[in-house]
């Protein structure tokens, strides 16, 4: 039933200013245009429990679903369990939902399979998957490689190789899980890589000599952190029976140095890997080449 001035309008007529009340529903068979003049007039549909189940913010050209103040072109607000579902007729779907367990800014994309595929221009670009058997998180697979994605600047991604050419503060976002190349361009200037504080994250940082540097590659901790573990060295000058030495860290070791002679780093490919295993503690191991009278690459230079 129509109540008010709108009830008096003829077919094809226009209601310029009137109140339209529908108490028994309305069937519309023709096309309907709302706000054809483009006025700054909002449009709102209310549901049983939400005042803004569908909301058009005319002034800002935005749409809100269960959102009274959309701040994007489309802004959907939902309870923790379900926000958005994308489903094909075959039954496969993807869910965007929040996390009701923590208060952190987390958003989950859940699929009917254990993999999420990404394509650009119809070509396979990458996928995210769950590790087989244990349900732990896995990184992205890019193209046909297993390299992790790490942000190197605001416009590009690293596929696993990061070249270090000057002194650098190591960060999880840029260097964890990557092969970090010790590549001082001229091979004649000191390069120091300072690790983040060890807190037990499990992050791994691998450093590989890509340019032999006679002025030292130094890897050091911050604060009271220590390195614990060992590095195996292969001497170029000793007889075969004595050419391999296993250098162990001391209780206070916090720095590792490749000097391109006695403490290692003689050859491209020499490497060391550090893992954040606990608060204040890095596990370290590696393999390097030395020359001359060998010395331990470990020292307590920070604390």
C-alpha atoms as a PDB file:
ATOM      1  CA  UNK A   1       0.000   0.000   0.000  1.00  0.00           C
ATOM      2  CA  UNK A   2       1.268   3.498  -0.867  1.00  0.00           C
ATOM      3  CA  UNK A   3       0.675   6.303   1.598  1.00  0.00           C
ATOM      4  CA  UNK A   4       1.179  10.040   0.991  1.00  0.00           C
ATOM      5  CA  UNK A   5       1.624  12.125  -2.130  1.00  0.00           C
ATOM      6  CA  UNK A   6       3.339   9.234  -3.926  1.00  0.00           C
ATOM      7  CA  UNK A   7       0.012   7.360  -4.000  1.00  0.00           C
ATOM      8  CA  UNK A   8      -1.384  10.032  -6.286  1.00  0.00           C
ATOM      9  CA  UNK A   9       1.320   9.795  -8.950  1.00  0.00           C
ATOM     10  CA  UNK A  10       0.524   8.429 -12.380  1.00  0.00           C
ATOM     11  CA  UNK A  11       2.593   5.816 -14.200  1.00  0.00           C
ATOM     12  CA  UNK A  12       5.806   7.405 -15.446  1.00  0.00           C
ATOM     13  CA  UNK A  13       5.394  10.391 -13.150  1.00  0.00           C
ATOM     14  CA  UNK A  14       8.090  11.864 -10.933  1.00  0.00           C
ATOM     15  CA  UNK A  15       7.842  12.478  -7.202  1.00  0.00           C
ATOM     16  CA  UNK A  16       9.654  15.754  -6.662  1.00  0.00           C
ATOM     17  CA  UNK A  17       9.102  16.097  -2.930  1.00  0.00           C
ATOM     18  CA  UNK A  18       7.031  13.635  -0.986  1.00  0.00           C
ATOM     19  CA  UNK A  19       7.156  10.883   1.554  1.00  0.00           C
ATOM     20  CA  UNK A  20       6.749   7.326   0.347  1.00  0.00           C
ATOM     21  CA  UNK A  21       5.638   4.772   2.943  1.00  0.00           C
ATOM     22  CA  UNK A  22       5.419   1.105   2.007  1.00  0.00           C
ATOM     23  CA  UNK A  23       3.605  -0.993   4.571  1.00  0.00           C
ATOM     24  CA  UNK A  24       2.685  -4.073   2.544  1.00  0.00           C
ATOM     25  CA  UNK A  25       5.672  -4.367   0.226  1.00  0.00           C
ATOM     26  CA  UNK A  26       6.122  -3.292  -3.373  1.00  0.00           C
ATOM     27  CA  UNK A  27       6.641  -5.103  -6.660  1.00  0.00           C
ATOM     28  CA  UNK A  28       8.574  -3.204  -9.319  1.00  0.00           C
ATOM     29  CA  UNK A  29       8.700  -4.532 -12.874  1.00  0.00           C
ATOM     30  CA  UNK A  30      10.372  -1.635 -14.612  1.00  0.00           C
ATOM     31  CA  UNK A  31      13.772  -0.014 -14.246  1.00  0.00           C
ATOM     32  CA  UNK A  32      14.328   2.056 -11.105  1.00  0.00           C
ATOM     33  CA  UNK A  33      16.800   4.902 -10.697  1.00  0.00           C
ATOM     34  CA  UNK A  34      17.532   6.456  -7.339  1.00  0.00           C
ATOM     35  CA  UNK A  35      19.046   9.926  -7.080  1.00  0.00           C
ATOM     36  CA  UNK A  36      19.111  10.514 -10.824  1.00  0.00           C
ATOM     37  CA  UNK A  37      19.976  14.167 -10.285  1.00  0.00           C
ATOM     38  CA  UNK A  38      23.182  13.267  -8.427  1.00  0.00           C
ATOM     39  CA  UNK A  39      22.245  15.067  -5.232  1.00  0.00           C
ATOM     40  CA  UNK A  40      24.254  14.646  -2.046  1.00  0.00           C
ATOM     41  CA  UNK A  41      21.593  12.416  -0.519  1.00  0.00           C
ATOM     42  CA  UNK A  42      22.510   9.160   1.208  1.00  0.00           C
ATOM     43  CA  UNK A  43      20.681   5.877   0.722  1.00  0.00           C
ATOM     44  CA  UNK A  44      20.246   3.335   3.514  1.00  0.00           C
ATOM     45  CA  UNK A  45      18.692  -0.116   3.847  1.00  0.00           C
ATOM     46  CA  UNK A  46      18.174  -1.515   7.319  1.00  0.00           C
ATOM     47  CA  UNK A  47      18.057  -5.185   8.294  1.00  0.00           C
ATOM     48  CA  UNK A  48      16.690  -6.873  11.404  1.00  0.00           C
ATOM     49  CA  UNK A  49      19.874  -6.268  13.403  1.00  0.00           C
ATOM     50  CA  UNK A  50      21.839  -3.667  11.423  1.00  0.00           C
ATOM     51  CA  UNK A  51      20.835  -0.067  10.818  1.00  0.00           C
ATOM     52  CA  UNK A  52      23.181   0.266   7.831  1.00  0.00           C
ATOM     53  CA  UNK A  53      23.038  -3.162   6.203  1.00  0.00           C
ATOM     54  CA  UNK A  54      23.469  -1.368   2.876  1.00  0.00           C
ATOM     55  CA  UNK A  55      24.524   2.265   2.913  1.00  0.00           C
ATOM     56  CA  UNK A  56      25.374   4.627   0.048  1.00  0.00           C
ATOM     57  CA  UNK A  57      27.426   7.627   1.125  1.00  0.00           C
ATOM     58  CA  UNK A  58      26.476   9.955  -1.735  1.00  0.00           C
ATOM     59  CA  UNK A  59      28.778  12.806  -0.798  1.00  0.00           C
ATOM     60  CA  UNK A  60      31.911  10.629  -0.732  1.00  0.00           C
ATOM     61  CA  UNK A  61      30.898   8.137  -3.441  1.00  0.00           C
ATOM     62  CA  UNK A  62      31.290   5.162  -1.123  1.00  0.00           C
ATOM     63  CA  UNK A  63      29.336   2.012  -0.296  1.00  0.00           C
ATOM     64  CA  UNK A  64      29.112   0.499   3.160  1.00  0.00           C
ATOM     65  CA  UNK A  65      27.856  -2.963   4.026  1.00  0.00           C
ATOM     66  CA  UNK A  66      27.006  -3.060   7.715  1.00  0.00           C
ATOM     67  CA  UNK A  67      29.041   0.150   7.895  1.00  0.00           C
ATOM     68  CA  UNK A  68      27.666   3.647   8.532  1.00  0.00           C
ATOM     69  CA  UNK A  69      30.887   5.514   7.708  1.00  0.00           C
ATOM     70  CA  UNK A  70      32.625   3.786   4.795  1.00  0.00           C
ATOM     71  CA  UNK A  71      36.175   5.030   4.270  1.00  0.00           C
ATOM     72  CA  UNK A  72      36.833   3.144   1.019  1.00  0.00           C
ATOM     73  CA  UNK A  73      34.897   2.759  -2.241  1.00  0.00           C
ATOM     74  CA  UNK A  74      33.552  -0.486  -0.727  1.00  0.00           C
ATOM     75  CA  UNK A  75      33.768  -0.953   3.030  1.00  0.00           C
ATOM     76  CA  UNK A  76      32.442  -4.152   4.612  1.00  0.00           C
ATOM     77  CA  UNK A  77      32.256  -4.525   8.384  1.00  0.00           C
ATOM     78  CA  UNK A  78      31.391  -7.875   9.920  1.00  0.00           C
ATOM     79  CA  UNK A  79      31.574  -9.958  13.031  1.00  0.00           C
ATOM     80  CA  UNK A  80      34.732 -11.959  13.680  1.00  0.00           C
ATOM     81  CA  UNK A  81      33.522 -15.154  12.068  1.00  0.00           C
ATOM     82  CA  UNK A  82      32.450 -14.038   8.577  1.00  0.00           C
ATOM     83  CA  UNK A  83      33.079 -10.922   6.498  1.00  0.00           C
ATOM     84  CA  UNK A  84      33.197 -11.853   2.819  1.00  0.00           C
ATOM     85  CA  UNK A  85      32.629 -15.091   0.884  1.00  0.00           C
ATOM     86  CA  UNK A  86      33.483 -15.548  -2.787  1.00  0.00           C
ATOM     87  CA  UNK A  87      32.005 -18.744  -4.210  1.00  0.00           C
ATOM     88  CA  UNK A  88      31.820 -20.357  -7.618  1.00  0.00           C
ATOM     89  CA  UNK A  89      28.942 -22.519  -8.779  1.00  0.00           C
ATOM     90  CA  UNK A  90      31.065 -25.642  -8.351  1.00  0.00           C
ATOM     91  CA  UNK A  91      31.197 -25.105  -4.607  1.00  0.00           C
ATOM     92  CA  UNK A  92      34.767 -23.826  -4.213  1.00  0.00           C
ATOM     93  CA  UNK A  93      35.004 -20.640  -2.233  1.00  0.00           C
ATOM     94  CA  UNK A  94      37.280 -18.230  -0.401  1.00  0.00           C
ATOM     95  CA  UNK A  95      36.401 -16.645   2.930  1.00  0.00           C
ATOM     96  CA  UNK A  96      37.711 -13.435   4.426  1.00  0.00           C
ATOM     97  CA  UNK A  97      37.158 -13.478   8.157  1.00  0.00           C
ATOM     98  CA  UNK A  98      38.546 -11.852  11.257  1.00  0.00           C
ATOM     99  CA  UNK A  99      40.218 -13.408  14.256  1.00  0.00           C
ATOM    100  CA  UNK A 100      38.008 -13.614  17.328  1.00  0.00           C
ATOM    101  CA  UNK A 101      40.820 -14.904  19.553  1.00  0.00           C
ATOM    102  CA  UNK A 102      43.182 -11.936  19.602  1.00  0.00           C
ATOM    103  CA  UNK A 103      42.836  -8.184  19.412  1.00  0.00           C
ATOM    104  CA  UNK A 104      45.566  -7.793  16.804  1.00  0.00           C
ATOM    105  CA  UNK A 105      44.913  -6.490  13.320  1.00  0.00           C
ATOM    106  CA  UNK A 106      44.649  -9.890  11.673  1.00  0.00           C
ATOM    107  CA  UNK A 107      42.536 -10.921   8.689  1.00  0.00           C
ATOM    108  CA  UNK A 108      42.324 -14.451   7.378  1.00  0.00           C
ATOM    109  CA  UNK A 109      41.703 -15.746   3.860  1.00  0.00           C
ATOM    110  CA  UNK A 110      40.401 -19.306   4.083  1.00  0.00           C
ATOM    111  CA  UNK A 111      39.845 -21.589   1.095  1.00  0.00           C
ATOM    112  CA  UNK A 112      38.252 -24.989   0.573  1.00  0.00           C
ATOM    113  CA  UNK A 113      41.674 -26.343  -0.416  1.00  0.00           C
ATOM    114  CA  UNK A 114      45.021 -25.893   1.333  1.00  0.00           C
ATOM    115  CA  UNK A 115      46.359 -23.557  -1.359  1.00  0.00           C
ATOM    116  CA  UNK A 116      45.595 -20.040  -2.566  1.00  0.00           C
ATOM    117  CA  UNK A 117      46.675 -19.303  -6.134  1.00  0.00           C
ATOM    118  CA  UNK A 118      47.596 -15.915  -7.568  1.00  0.00           C
ATOM    119  CA  UNK A 119      47.526 -15.130 -11.276  1.00  0.00           C
ATOM    120  CA  UNK A 120      48.313 -12.057 -13.337  1.00  0.00           C
ATOM    121  CA  UNK A 121      47.229 -11.711 -16.971  1.00  0.00           C
ATOM    122  CA  UNK A 122      46.108 -15.341 -16.877  1.00  0.00           C
ATOM    123  CA  UNK A 123      49.565 -16.606 -15.949  1.00  0.00           C
ATOM    124  CA  UNK A 124      50.577 -18.363 -12.740  1.00  0.00           C
ATOM    125  CA  UNK A 125      52.264 -15.833 -10.473  1.00  0.00           C
ATOM    126  CA  UNK A 126      52.432 -17.598  -7.140  1.00  0.00           C
ATOM    127  CA  UNK A 127      50.632 -19.511  -4.455  1.00  0.00           C
ATOM    128  CA  UNK A 128      50.427 -19.751  -0.691  1.00  0.00           C
ATOM    129  CA  UNK A 129      50.050 -23.166   0.866  1.00  0.00           C
ATOM    130  CA  UNK A 130      50.074 -25.020   4.167  1.00  0.00           C
ATOM    131  CA  UNK A 131      52.983 -27.324   4.925  1.00  0.00           C
ATOM    132  CA  UNK A 132      52.034 -30.980   4.475  1.00  0.00           C
ATOM    133  CA  UNK A 133      51.137 -32.958   7.551  1.00  0.00           C
ATOM    134  CA  UNK A 134      51.476 -30.411  10.317  1.00  0.00           C
ATOM    135  CA  UNK A 135      49.305 -27.444   9.406  1.00  0.00           C
ATOM    136  CA  UNK A 136      52.013 -24.854  10.053  1.00  0.00           C
ATOM    137  CA  UNK A 137      52.163 -21.625   8.096  1.00  0.00           C
ATOM    138  CA  UNK A 138      54.163 -21.566   4.879  1.00  0.00           C
ATOM    139  CA  UNK A 139      55.492 -18.713   2.789  1.00  0.00           C
ATOM    140  CA  UNK A 140      54.645 -17.851  -0.765  1.00  0.00           C
ATOM    141  CA  UNK A 141      55.823 -19.879  -3.711  1.00  0.00           C
ATOM    142  CA  UNK A 142      56.783 -17.476  -6.501  1.00  0.00           C
ATOM    143  CA  UNK A 143      56.705 -18.825 -10.026  1.00  0.00           C
ATOM    144  CA  UNK A 144      58.561 -22.139 -10.016  1.00  0.00           C
ATOM    145  CA  UNK A 145      60.794 -21.373  -7.029  1.00  0.00           C
ATOM    146  CA  UNK A 146      60.441 -21.834  -3.284  1.00  0.00           C
ATOM    147  CA  UNK A 147      61.988 -18.475  -2.466  1.00  0.00           C
ATOM    148  CA  UNK A 148      60.215 -16.348   0.144  1.00  0.00           C
ATOM    149  CA  UNK A 149      58.840 -12.935  -0.774  1.00  0.00           C
ATOM    150  CA  UNK A 150      60.505 -10.074   1.089  1.00  0.00           C
ATOM    151  CA  UNK A 151      59.902  -6.357   0.623  1.00  0.00           C
ATOM    152  CA  UNK A 152      63.024  -4.485  -0.484  1.00  0.00           C
ATOM    153  CA  UNK A 153      61.386  -1.166  -1.239  1.00  0.00           C
ATOM    154  CA  UNK A 154      57.936   0.275  -1.882  1.00  0.00           C
ATOM    155  CA  UNK A 155      57.773  -0.850  -5.502  1.00  0.00           C
ATOM    156  CA  UNK A 156      59.432  -4.264  -5.787  1.00  0.00           C
ATOM    157  CA  UNK A 157      59.943  -7.623  -4.117  1.00  0.00           C
ATOM    158  CA  UNK A 158      63.011  -9.751  -3.465  1.00  0.00           C
ATOM    159  CA  UNK A 159      62.845 -13.396  -4.482  1.00  0.00           C
ATOM    160  CA  UNK A 160      65.420 -14.525  -1.907  1.00  0.00           C
ATOM    161  CA  UNK A 161      68.713 -12.816  -2.800  1.00  0.00           C
ATOM    162  CA  UNK A 162      69.667  -9.607  -1.010  1.00  0.00           C
ATOM    163  CA  UNK A 163      73.031  -7.982  -1.722  1.00  0.00           C
ATOM    164  CA  UNK A 164      74.718  -6.145   1.148  1.00  0.00           C
ATOM    165  CA  UNK A 165      77.218  -3.575  -0.101  1.00  0.00           C
ATOM    166  CA  UNK A 166      77.477  -1.155   2.849  1.00  0.00           C
ATOM    167  CA  UNK A 167      76.953  -1.243   6.614  1.00  0.00           C
ATOM    168  CA  UNK A 168      73.424  -2.420   7.282  1.00  0.00           C
ATOM    169  CA  UNK A 169      70.978  -3.103  10.108  1.00  0.00           C
ATOM    170  CA  UNK A 170      69.456  -6.515   9.452  1.00  0.00           C
ATOM    171  CA  UNK A 171      65.650  -6.750   9.737  1.00  0.00           C
ATOM    172  CA  UNK A 172      63.201  -9.674   9.571  1.00  0.00           C
ATOM    173  CA  UNK A 173      61.179  -7.980   6.825  1.00  0.00           C
ATOM    174  CA  UNK A 174      64.117  -7.579   4.448  1.00  0.00           C
ATOM    175  CA  UNK A 175      66.559 -10.338   5.343  1.00  0.00           C
ATOM    176  CA  UNK A 176      65.000 -13.260   7.264  1.00  0.00           C
ATOM    177  CA  UNK A 177      64.862 -16.434   5.183  1.00  0.00           C
ATOM    178  CA  UNK A 178      66.915 -14.829   2.412  1.00  0.00           C
ATOM    179  CA  UNK A 179      70.402 -15.482   1.118  1.00  0.00           C
ATOM    180  CA  UNK A 180      72.170 -12.270   2.101  1.00  0.00           C
ATOM    181  CA  UNK A 181      75.175 -11.751  -0.152  1.00  0.00           C
ATOM    182  CA  UNK A 182      78.240 -10.116   1.402  1.00  0.00           C
ATOM    183  CA  UNK A 183      79.085  -8.069  -1.660  1.00  0.00           C
ATOM    184  CA  UNK A 184      81.125  -4.963  -0.871  1.00  0.00           C
ATOM    185  CA  UNK A 185      81.705  -3.728  -4.410  1.00  0.00           C
ATOM    186  CA  UNK A 186      85.461  -3.125  -4.391  1.00  0.00           C
ATOM    187  CA  UNK A 187      86.328  -5.825  -1.882  1.00  0.00           C
ATOM    188  CA  UNK A 188      88.384  -3.295   0.062  1.00  0.00           C
ATOM    189  CA  UNK A 189      86.038  -1.560   2.534  1.00  0.00           C
ATOM    190  CA  UNK A 190      84.734  -2.814   5.848  1.00  0.00           C
ATOM    191  CA  UNK A 191      81.097  -3.919   5.923  1.00  0.00           C
ATOM    192  CA  UNK A 192      79.248  -4.508   9.198  1.00  0.00           C
ATOM    193  CA  UNK A 193      75.865  -6.241   9.375  1.00  0.00           C
ATOM    194  CA  UNK A 194      74.105  -5.701  12.715  1.00  0.00           C
ATOM    195  CA  UNK A 195      71.536  -8.325  13.673  1.00  0.00           C
ATOM    196  CA  UNK A 196      68.174  -7.476  15.270  1.00  0.00           C
ATOM    197  CA  UNK A 197      67.670  -8.314  18.936  1.00  0.00           C
ATOM    198  CA  UNK A 198      67.252 -12.051  19.510  1.00  0.00           C
ATOM    199  CA  UNK A 199      63.836 -12.816  21.010  1.00  0.00           C
ATOM    200  CA  UNK A 200      63.230 -16.450  19.999  1.00  0.00           C
ATOM    201  CA  UNK A 201      61.403 -15.861  16.711  1.00  0.00           C
ATOM    202  CA  UNK A 202      63.141 -18.708  14.883  1.00  0.00           C
ATOM    203  CA  UNK A 203      64.132 -16.372  12.054  1.00  0.00           C
ATOM    204  CA  UNK A 204      67.160 -17.510  10.054  1.00  0.00           C
ATOM    205  CA  UNK A 205      69.702 -15.206   8.439  1.00  0.00           C
ATOM    206  CA  UNK A 206      72.201 -16.688   6.002  1.00  0.00           C
ATOM    207  CA  UNK A 207      75.224 -14.671   4.865  1.00  0.00           C
ATOM    208  CA  UNK A 208      77.279 -15.753   1.834  1.00  0.00           C
ATOM    209  CA  UNK A 209      80.482 -14.177   0.533  1.00  0.00           C
ATOM    210  CA  UNK A 210      79.879 -13.008  -3.039  1.00  0.00           C
ATOM    211  CA  UNK A 211      82.851 -10.608  -3.180  1.00  0.00           C
ATOM    212  CA  UNK A 212      86.074 -11.434  -1.311  1.00  0.00           C
ATOM    213  CA  UNK A 213      86.764  -8.468   0.981  1.00  0.00           C
ATOM    214  CA  UNK A 214      90.241  -7.852   2.424  1.00  0.00           C
ATOM    215  CA  UNK A 215      88.876  -5.145   4.759  1.00  0.00           C
ATOM    216  CA  UNK A 216      86.513  -7.442   6.742  1.00  0.00           C
ATOM    217  CA  UNK A 217      82.929  -8.557   6.746  1.00  0.00           C
ATOM    218  CA  UNK A 218      81.616  -8.247  10.295  1.00  0.00           C
ATOM    219  CA  UNK A 219      78.376  -9.694  11.633  1.00  0.00           C
ATOM    220  CA  UNK A 220      77.496  -8.545  15.120  1.00  0.00           C
ATOM    221  CA  UNK A 221      74.661  -8.667  17.657  1.00  0.00           C
ATOM    222  CA  UNK A 222      73.063  -5.849  19.629  1.00  0.00           C
ATOM    223  CA  UNK A 223      72.949  -5.347  23.381  1.00  0.00           C
ATOM    224  CA  UNK A 224      73.669  -8.421  25.490  1.00  0.00           C
ATOM    225  CA  UNK A 225      72.927 -10.996  22.781  1.00  0.00           C
ATOM    226  CA  UNK A 226      75.447 -13.788  22.225  1.00  0.00           C
ATOM    227  CA  UNK A 227      76.309 -16.270  19.475  1.00  0.00           C
ATOM    228  CA  UNK A 228      76.484 -19.982  20.282  1.00  0.00           C
ATOM    229  CA  UNK A 229      77.596 -22.697  17.898  1.00  0.00           C
ATOM    230  CA  UNK A 230      80.513 -23.353  15.569  1.00  0.00           C
ATOM    231  CA  UNK A 231      81.943 -22.804  12.118  1.00  0.00           C
ATOM    232  CA  UNK A 232      84.072 -25.233  10.110  1.00  0.00           C
ATOM    233  CA  UNK A 233      87.028 -23.833   8.203  1.00  0.00           C
ATOM    234  CA  UNK A 234      89.041 -25.399   5.408  1.00  0.00           C
ATOM    235  CA  UNK A 235      92.615 -24.098   5.226  1.00  0.00           C
ATOM    236  CA  UNK A 236      94.221 -23.563   1.847  1.00  0.00           C
ATOM    237  CA  UNK A 237      97.737 -23.876   3.255  1.00  0.00           C
ATOM    238  CA  UNK A 238      97.719 -26.882   5.617  1.00  0.00           C
ATOM    239  CA  UNK A 239      98.259 -30.511   4.777  1.00  0.00           C
ATOM    240  CA  UNK A 240      95.142 -32.578   4.178  1.00  0.00           C
ATOM    241  CA  UNK A 241      95.200 -34.126   7.662  1.00  0.00           C
ATOM    242  CA  UNK A 242      95.131 -30.739   9.379  1.00  0.00           C
ATOM    243  CA  UNK A 243      93.318 -28.496   6.936  1.00  0.00           C
ATOM    244  CA  UNK A 244      89.856 -28.713   8.548  1.00  0.00           C
ATOM    245  CA  UNK A 245      89.298 -26.885  11.845  1.00  0.00           C
ATOM    246  CA  UNK A 246      86.087 -26.585  13.853  1.00  0.00           C
ATOM    247  CA  UNK A 247      85.928 -23.192  15.579  1.00  0.00           C
ATOM    248  CA  UNK A 248      83.511 -23.059  18.525  1.00  0.00           C
ATOM    249  CA  UNK A 249      82.065 -19.936  20.061  1.00  0.00           C
ATOM    250  CA  UNK A 250      82.982 -18.832  23.579  1.00  0.00           C
ATOM    251  CA  UNK A 251      80.351 -18.122  26.231  1.00  0.00           C
ATOM    252  CA  UNK A 252      80.453 -14.404  25.413  1.00  0.00           C
ATOM    253  CA  UNK A 253      80.915 -14.453  21.613  1.00  0.00           C
ATOM    254  CA  UNK A 254      78.885 -11.710  19.952  1.00  0.00           C
ATOM    255  CA  UNK A 255      80.764 -10.924  16.727  1.00  0.00           C
ATOM    256  CA  UNK A 256      81.903 -12.884  13.657  1.00  0.00           C
ATOM    257  CA  UNK A 257      84.582 -11.577  11.274  1.00  0.00           C
ATOM    258  CA  UNK A 258      85.671 -12.756   7.823  1.00  0.00           C
ATOM    259  CA  UNK A 259      88.986 -11.018   7.015  1.00  0.00           C
ATOM    260  CA  UNK A 260      89.645 -12.825   3.706  1.00  0.00           C
ATOM    261  CA  UNK A 261      92.695 -14.558   5.192  1.00  0.00           C
ATOM    262  CA  UNK A 262      93.148 -16.100   8.645  1.00  0.00           C
ATOM    263  CA  UNK A 263      89.534 -15.907   9.914  1.00  0.00           C
ATOM    264  CA  UNK A 264      87.783 -16.912   6.699  1.00  0.00           C
ATOM    265  CA  UNK A 265      86.045 -15.429   3.696  1.00  0.00           C
ATOM    266  CA  UNK A 266      88.880 -16.369   1.339  1.00  0.00           C
ATOM    267  CA  UNK A 267      86.567 -17.786  -1.295  1.00  0.00           C
ATOM    268  CA  UNK A 268      83.250 -16.804  -2.831  1.00  0.00           C
ATOM    269  CA  UNK A 269      80.634 -19.111  -1.331  1.00  0.00           C
ATOM    270  CA  UNK A 270      81.955 -19.060   2.243  1.00  0.00           C
ATOM    271  CA  UNK A 271      78.877 -18.768   4.464  1.00  0.00           C
ATOM    272  CA  UNK A 272      77.482 -18.471   7.952  1.00  0.00           C
ATOM    273  CA  UNK A 273      73.895 -18.837   9.170  1.00  0.00           C
ATOM    274  CA  UNK A 274      72.419 -17.454  12.373  1.00  0.00           C
ATOM    275  CA  UNK A 275      69.082 -18.493  13.902  1.00  0.00           C
ATOM    276  CA  UNK A 276      67.202 -16.528  16.563  1.00  0.00           C
ATOM    277  CA  UNK A 277      66.574 -19.424  19.002  1.00  0.00           C
ATOM    278  CA  UNK A 278      65.888 -17.601  22.288  1.00  0.00           C
ATOM    279  CA  UNK A 279      65.978 -14.266  24.021  1.00  0.00           C
ATOM    280  CA  UNK A 280      69.537 -12.906  23.745  1.00  0.00           C
ATOM    281  CA  UNK A 281      70.778 -16.041  21.946  1.00  0.00           C
ATOM    282  CA  UNK A 282      71.735 -16.724  18.322  1.00  0.00           C
ATOM    283  CA  UNK A 283      72.616 -20.218  17.118  1.00  0.00           C
ATOM    284  CA  UNK A 284      75.424 -20.043  14.568  1.00  0.00           C
ATOM    285  CA  UNK A 285      77.028 -22.455  12.150  1.00  0.00           C
ATOM    286  CA  UNK A 286      78.741 -22.242   8.803  1.00  0.00           C
ATOM    287  CA  UNK A 287      81.600 -23.197   6.497  1.00  0.00           C
ATOM    288  CA  UNK A 288      84.461 -21.008   5.366  1.00  0.00           C
ATOM    289  CA  UNK A 289      87.920 -21.027   3.813  1.00  0.00           C
ATOM    290  CA  UNK A 290      91.052 -19.628   5.446  1.00  0.00           C
ATOM    291  CA  UNK A 291      94.690 -18.988   4.562  1.00  0.00           C
ATOM    292  CA  UNK A 292      97.809 -18.449   6.614  1.00  0.00           C
ATOM    293  CA  UNK A 293      97.772 -19.181  10.339  1.00  0.00           C
ATOM    294  CA  UNK A 294      94.105 -19.681  11.152  1.00  0.00           C
ATOM    295  CA  UNK A 295      92.338 -17.783  13.950  1.00  0.00           C
ATOM    296  CA  UNK A 296      88.817 -18.032  15.284  1.00  0.00           C
ATOM    297  CA  UNK A 297      86.310 -15.783  13.511  1.00  0.00           C
ATOM    298  CA  UNK A 298      84.442 -15.244  16.806  1.00  0.00           C
ATOM    299  CA  UNK A 299      85.060 -12.472  19.333  1.00  0.00           C
ATOM    300  CA  UNK A 300      83.330 -10.474  22.058  1.00  0.00           C
ATOM    301  CA  UNK A 301      83.500  -7.004  20.514  1.00  0.00           C
ATOM    302  CA  UNK A 302      80.038  -5.679  21.322  1.00  0.00           C
ATOM    303  CA  UNK A 303      79.575  -6.262  25.067  1.00  0.00           C
END
